[in-house]
Amino acid sequence: MATPDSQTFHWRYDELDDKNFQIRGRTLFFIIVLFAVILLVTLLFLYARWICRSSSASSAAVSQHIQRFSRPQGLDSAAIDSLPITLHQRPSTSSTDSLECCICLGVFEEGEKVKVLPKCSHAYHCECVDKWLTTHSSCPICRAALLVDSPV
């Protein structure tokens, strides 16, 4: 209950009115600086994104150009098929160099067909070395090149 001595509480603004809302001095300055910083960061982000996209697109074009004009890494199927195939014979000495295929680590059986690389005389299972030579042009063990570079 209200007594005559009690004061009634009055709101400062009775109505929702923005007539007295003002931005002056420091507040205006800080709002402008904040807006400028947000704008600058956004522009820098967009510029960095544009640079990354253009550099990745140009590097992709350069790598495609290099791949188009560079010689292939592996041998063609005609060169792979021209490698000599021999029957494996156990050596009389106990040398372990030619007893297994270093690609699949399988042991050569007596009379098994193996491919012998011409420059280094390393032997491999036909299927193993054929897969290797489609992507590489060198011996898997000693990296001796099997391609003869043609003069350009």
C-alpha atoms as a PDB file:
ATOM      1  CA  MET A   1       0.000   0.000   0.000  1.00  0.00           C
ATOM      2  CA  ALA A   2       1.118   3.460  -0.724  1.00  0.00           C
ATOM      3  CA  THR A   3       1.495   6.005   1.995  1.00  0.00           C
ATOM      4  CA  PRO A   4       1.357   9.722   1.370  1.00  0.00           C
ATOM      5  CA  ASP A   5       4.991  10.040   2.438  1.00  0.00           C
ATOM      6  CA  SER A   6       6.289   7.511  -0.080  1.00  0.00           C
ATOM      7  CA  GLN A   7       7.482   8.865  -3.335  1.00  0.00           C
ATOM      8  CA  THR A   8       6.394   7.324  -6.588  1.00  0.00           C
ATOM      9  CA  PHE A   9       9.078   5.991  -8.859  1.00  0.00           C
ATOM     10  CA  HIS A  10       9.288   7.781 -12.196  1.00  0.00           C
ATOM     11  CA  TRP A  11      11.147   6.454 -15.144  1.00  0.00           C
ATOM     12  CA  ARG A  12      13.605   8.830 -16.679  1.00  0.00           C
ATOM     13  CA  TYR A  13      12.145   8.251 -20.119  1.00  0.00           C
ATOM     14  CA  ASP A  14       8.455   7.576 -20.046  1.00  0.00           C
ATOM     15  CA  GLU A  15       8.230   6.870 -23.746  1.00  0.00           C
ATOM     16  CA  LEU A  16      10.531   4.961 -26.047  1.00  0.00           C
ATOM     17  CA  ASP A  17      11.864   8.002 -27.779  1.00  0.00           C
ATOM     18  CA  ASP A  18      15.307   8.508 -29.379  1.00  0.00           C
ATOM     19  CA  LYS A  19      15.209  12.293 -29.444  1.00  0.00           C
ATOM     20  CA  ASN A  20      17.949  12.587 -26.850  1.00  0.00           C
ATOM     21  CA  PHE A  21      20.251   9.925 -28.326  1.00  0.00           C
ATOM     22  CA  GLN A  22      23.466  11.575 -29.481  1.00  0.00           C
ATOM     23  CA  ILE A  23      26.917  10.336 -30.409  1.00  0.00           C
ATOM     24  CA  ARG A  24      29.579  12.951 -29.913  1.00  0.00           C
ATOM     25  CA  GLY A  25      33.282  13.382 -29.346  1.00  0.00           C
ATOM     26  CA  ARG A  26      35.267  10.304 -28.391  1.00  0.00           C
ATOM     27  CA  THR A  27      32.409   7.882 -28.965  1.00  0.00           C
ATOM     28  CA  LEU A  28      32.013   8.973 -32.584  1.00  0.00           C
ATOM     29  CA  PHE A  29      35.773   8.780 -33.099  1.00  0.00           C
ATOM     30  CA  PHE A  30      35.977   5.210 -31.701  1.00  0.00           C
ATOM     31  CA  ILE A  31      33.026   4.062 -33.806  1.00  0.00           C
ATOM     32  CA  ILE A  32      34.659   5.414 -36.980  1.00  0.00           C
ATOM     33  CA  VAL A  33      38.032   3.816 -36.095  1.00  0.00           C
ATOM     34  CA  LEU A  34      36.368   0.473 -35.327  1.00  0.00           C
ATOM     35  CA  PHE A  35      34.483   0.528 -38.616  1.00  0.00           C
ATOM     36  CA  ALA A  36      37.696   1.393 -40.514  1.00  0.00           C
ATOM     37  CA  VAL A  37      39.622  -1.458 -38.852  1.00  0.00           C
ATOM     38  CA  ILE A  38      36.882  -3.982 -39.672  1.00  0.00           C
ATOM     39  CA  LEU A  39      36.793  -2.749 -43.270  1.00  0.00           C
ATOM     40  CA  LEU A  40      40.585  -2.931 -43.584  1.00  0.00           C
ATOM     41  CA  VAL A  41      40.776  -6.482 -42.173  1.00  0.00           C
ATOM     42  CA  THR A  42      38.003  -7.605 -44.517  1.00  0.00           C
ATOM     43  CA  LEU A  43      39.759  -6.116 -47.541  1.00  0.00           C
ATOM     44  CA  LEU A  44      43.089  -7.687 -46.545  1.00  0.00           C
ATOM     45  CA  PHE A  45      41.406 -11.076 -46.138  1.00  0.00           C
ATOM     46  CA  LEU A  46      39.763 -10.821 -49.568  1.00  0.00           C
ATOM     47  CA  TYR A  47      43.058  -9.740 -51.167  1.00  0.00           C
ATOM     48  CA  ALA A  48      44.969 -12.634 -49.582  1.00  0.00           C
ATOM     49  CA  ARG A  49      42.308 -15.056 -50.751  1.00  0.00           C
ATOM     50  CA  TRP A  50      42.513 -13.671 -54.295  1.00  0.00           C
ATOM     51  CA  ILE A  51      46.323 -13.965 -54.289  1.00  0.00           C
ATOM     52  CA  CYS A  52      46.187 -17.579 -53.089  1.00  0.00           C
ATOM     53  CA  ARG A  53      43.659 -18.533 -55.745  1.00  0.00           C
ATOM     54  CA  SER A  54      45.558 -16.868 -58.557  1.00  0.00           C
ATOM     55  CA  SER A  55      48.897 -18.354 -57.475  1.00  0.00           C
ATOM     56  CA  SER A  56      47.434 -21.859 -57.160  1.00  0.00           C
ATOM     57  CA  ALA A  57      45.803 -21.524 -60.578  1.00  0.00           C
ATOM     58  CA  SER A  58      49.041 -20.329 -62.151  1.00  0.00           C
ATOM     59  CA  SER A  59      51.096 -23.039 -60.442  1.00  0.00           C
ATOM     60  CA  ALA A  60      48.627 -25.661 -61.665  1.00  0.00           C
ATOM     61  CA  ALA A  61      48.965 -24.308 -65.203  1.00  0.00           C
ATOM     62  CA  VAL A  62      52.765 -24.370 -64.934  1.00  0.00           C
ATOM     63  CA  SER A  63      52.787 -27.947 -63.630  1.00  0.00           C
ATOM     64  CA  GLN A  64      50.475 -29.048 -66.468  1.00  0.00           C
ATOM     65  CA  HIS A  65      52.786 -27.327 -68.951  1.00  0.00           C
ATOM     66  CA  ILE A  66      55.835 -29.060 -67.461  1.00  0.00           C
ATOM     67  CA  GLN A  67      54.120 -32.447 -67.490  1.00  0.00           C
ATOM     68  CA  ARG A  68      53.057 -31.988 -71.088  1.00  0.00           C
ATOM     69  CA  PHE A  69      56.557 -31.229 -72.361  1.00  0.00           C
ATOM     70  CA  SER A  70      58.697 -33.322 -70.016  1.00  0.00           C
ATOM     71  CA  ARG A  71      59.509 -36.902 -70.817  1.00  0.00           C
ATOM     72  CA  PRO A  72      57.402 -39.518 -69.074  1.00  0.00           C
ATOM     73  CA  GLN A  73      58.713 -41.049 -65.867  1.00  0.00           C
ATOM     74  CA  GLY A  74      58.175 -44.690 -66.786  1.00  0.00           C
ATOM     75  CA  LEU A  75      58.904 -46.859 -69.775  1.00  0.00           C
ATOM     76  CA  ASP A  76      56.354 -47.578 -72.476  1.00  0.00           C
ATOM     77  CA  SER A  77      54.975 -51.085 -72.841  1.00  0.00           C
ATOM     78  CA  ALA A  78      57.106 -51.844 -75.933  1.00  0.00           C
ATOM     79  CA  ALA A  79      60.317 -51.087 -74.027  1.00  0.00           C
ATOM     80  CA  ILE A  80      59.174 -53.174 -71.051  1.00  0.00           C
ATOM     81  CA  ASP A  81      58.278 -56.112 -73.302  1.00  0.00           C
ATOM     82  CA  SER A  82      61.684 -55.919 -75.002  1.00  0.00           C
ATOM     83  CA  LEU A  83      63.558 -56.714 -71.771  1.00  0.00           C
ATOM     84  CA  PRO A  84      65.033 -60.238 -71.767  1.00  0.00           C
ATOM     85  CA  ILE A  85      63.231 -62.986 -69.854  1.00  0.00           C
ATOM     86  CA  THR A  86      65.344 -65.878 -68.580  1.00  0.00           C
ATOM     87  CA  LEU A  87      64.795 -68.978 -66.493  1.00  0.00           C
ATOM     88  CA  HIS A  88      66.187 -68.694 -63.014  1.00  0.00           C
ATOM     89  CA  GLN A  89      68.960 -71.101 -62.059  1.00  0.00           C
ATOM     90  CA  ARG A  90      70.356 -71.330 -58.580  1.00  0.00           C
ATOM     91  CA  PRO A  91      73.917 -70.051 -58.492  1.00  0.00           C
ATOM     92  CA  SER A  92      76.586 -72.468 -57.356  1.00  0.00           C
ATOM     93  CA  THR A  93      77.849 -69.955 -54.788  1.00  0.00           C
ATOM     94  CA  SER A  94      75.736 -68.981 -51.792  1.00  0.00           C
ATOM     95  CA  SER A  95      75.147 -65.435 -53.009  1.00  0.00           C
ATOM     96  CA  THR A  96      71.885 -63.995 -51.720  1.00  0.00           C
ATOM     97  CA  ASP A  97      71.748 -61.175 -54.295  1.00  0.00           C
ATOM     98  CA  SER A  98      69.853 -63.102 -56.956  1.00  0.00           C
ATOM     99  CA  LEU A  99      67.805 -65.447 -54.749  1.00  0.00           C
ATOM    100  CA  GLU A 100      64.819 -63.138 -54.269  1.00  0.00           C
ATOM    101  CA  CYS A 101      62.894 -60.397 -56.005  1.00  0.00           C
ATOM    102  CA  CYS A 102      63.567 -57.164 -54.104  1.00  0.00           C
ATOM    103  CA  ILE A 103      60.185 -55.727 -55.138  1.00  0.00           C
ATOM    104  CA  CYS A 104      57.895 -58.426 -53.708  1.00  0.00           C
ATOM    105  CA  LEU A 105      60.571 -60.138 -51.561  1.00  0.00           C
ATOM    106  CA  GLY A 106      59.531 -63.488 -53.024  1.00  0.00           C
ATOM    107  CA  VAL A 107      62.188 -66.196 -53.414  1.00  0.00           C
ATOM    108  CA  PHE A 108      63.001 -67.254 -56.970  1.00  0.00           C
ATOM    109  CA  GLU A 109      62.188 -70.895 -57.636  1.00  0.00           C
ATOM    110  CA  GLU A 110      64.315 -73.084 -59.870  1.00  0.00           C
ATOM    111  CA  GLY A 111      63.203 -72.626 -63.506  1.00  0.00           C
ATOM    112  CA  GLU A 112      60.993 -69.578 -62.775  1.00  0.00           C
ATOM    113  CA  LYS A 113      60.811 -66.855 -65.444  1.00  0.00           C
ATOM    114  CA  VAL A 114      62.576 -63.656 -64.388  1.00  0.00           C
ATOM    115  CA  LYS A 115      63.373 -60.414 -66.196  1.00  0.00           C
ATOM    116  CA  VAL A 116      66.982 -59.316 -66.158  1.00  0.00           C
ATOM    117  CA  LEU A 117      67.689 -55.617 -66.595  1.00  0.00           C
ATOM    118  CA  PRO A 118      70.341 -55.065 -69.273  1.00  0.00           C
ATOM    119  CA  LYS A 119      72.565 -52.416 -67.672  1.00  0.00           C
ATOM    120  CA  CYS A 120      72.922 -53.824 -64.172  1.00  0.00           C
ATOM    121  CA  SER A 121      71.885 -57.511 -64.558  1.00  0.00           C
ATOM    122  CA  HIS A 122      69.504 -57.409 -61.593  1.00  0.00           C
ATOM    123  CA  ALA A 123      66.680 -59.964 -61.854  1.00  0.00           C
ATOM    124  CA  TYR A 124      63.025 -59.590 -60.840  1.00  0.00           C
ATOM    125  CA  HIS A 125      59.711 -61.373 -61.262  1.00  0.00           C
ATOM    126  CA  CYS A 126      58.198 -60.307 -64.591  1.00  0.00           C
ATOM    127  CA  GLU A 127      54.980 -58.942 -63.051  1.00  0.00           C
ATOM    128  CA  CYS A 128      56.814 -57.049 -60.314  1.00  0.00           C
ATOM    129  CA  VAL A 129      59.318 -55.278 -62.535  1.00  0.00           C
ATOM    130  CA  ASP A 130      56.676 -54.521 -65.190  1.00  0.00           C
ATOM    131  CA  LYS A 131      54.599 -52.623 -62.602  1.00  0.00           C
ATOM    132  CA  TRP A 132      57.714 -50.796 -61.392  1.00  0.00           C
ATOM    133  CA  LEU A 133      58.860 -49.831 -64.889  1.00  0.00           C
ATOM    134  CA  THR A 134      55.500 -48.334 -65.854  1.00  0.00           C
ATOM    135  CA  THR A 135      56.155 -45.569 -63.291  1.00  0.00           C
ATOM    136  CA  HIS A 136      59.982 -45.546 -63.097  1.00  0.00           C
ATOM    137  CA  SER A 137      62.708 -45.739 -65.710  1.00  0.00           C
ATOM    138  CA  SER A 138      65.439 -47.105 -63.464  1.00  0.00           C
ATOM    139  CA  CYS A 139      66.445 -50.276 -61.648  1.00  0.00           C
ATOM    140  CA  PRO A 140      64.717 -50.628 -58.246  1.00  0.00           C
ATOM    141  CA  ILE A 141      67.959 -51.604 -56.507  1.00  0.00           C
ATOM    142  CA  CYS A 142      70.763 -49.549 -58.015  1.00  0.00           C
ATOM    143  CA  ARG A 143      68.720 -46.864 -59.851  1.00  0.00           C
ATOM    144  CA  ALA A 144      70.640 -47.433 -63.080  1.00  0.00           C
ATOM    145  CA  ALA A 145      68.786 -45.599 -65.849  1.00  0.00           C
ATOM    146  CA  LEU A 146      67.194 -47.826 -68.457  1.00  0.00           C
ATOM    147  CA  LEU A 147      66.293 -45.028 -70.865  1.00  0.00           C
ATOM    148  CA  VAL A 148      68.846 -43.616 -73.251  1.00  0.00           C
ATOM    149  CA  ASP A 149      68.416 -39.857 -73.437  1.00  0.00           C
ATOM    150  CA  SER A 150      67.851 -38.826 -77.025  1.00  0.00           C
ATOM    151  CA  PRO A 151      69.441 -35.592 -78.268  1.00  0.00           C
ATOM    152  CA  VAL A 152      66.878 -32.817 -78.548  1.00  0.00           C
END
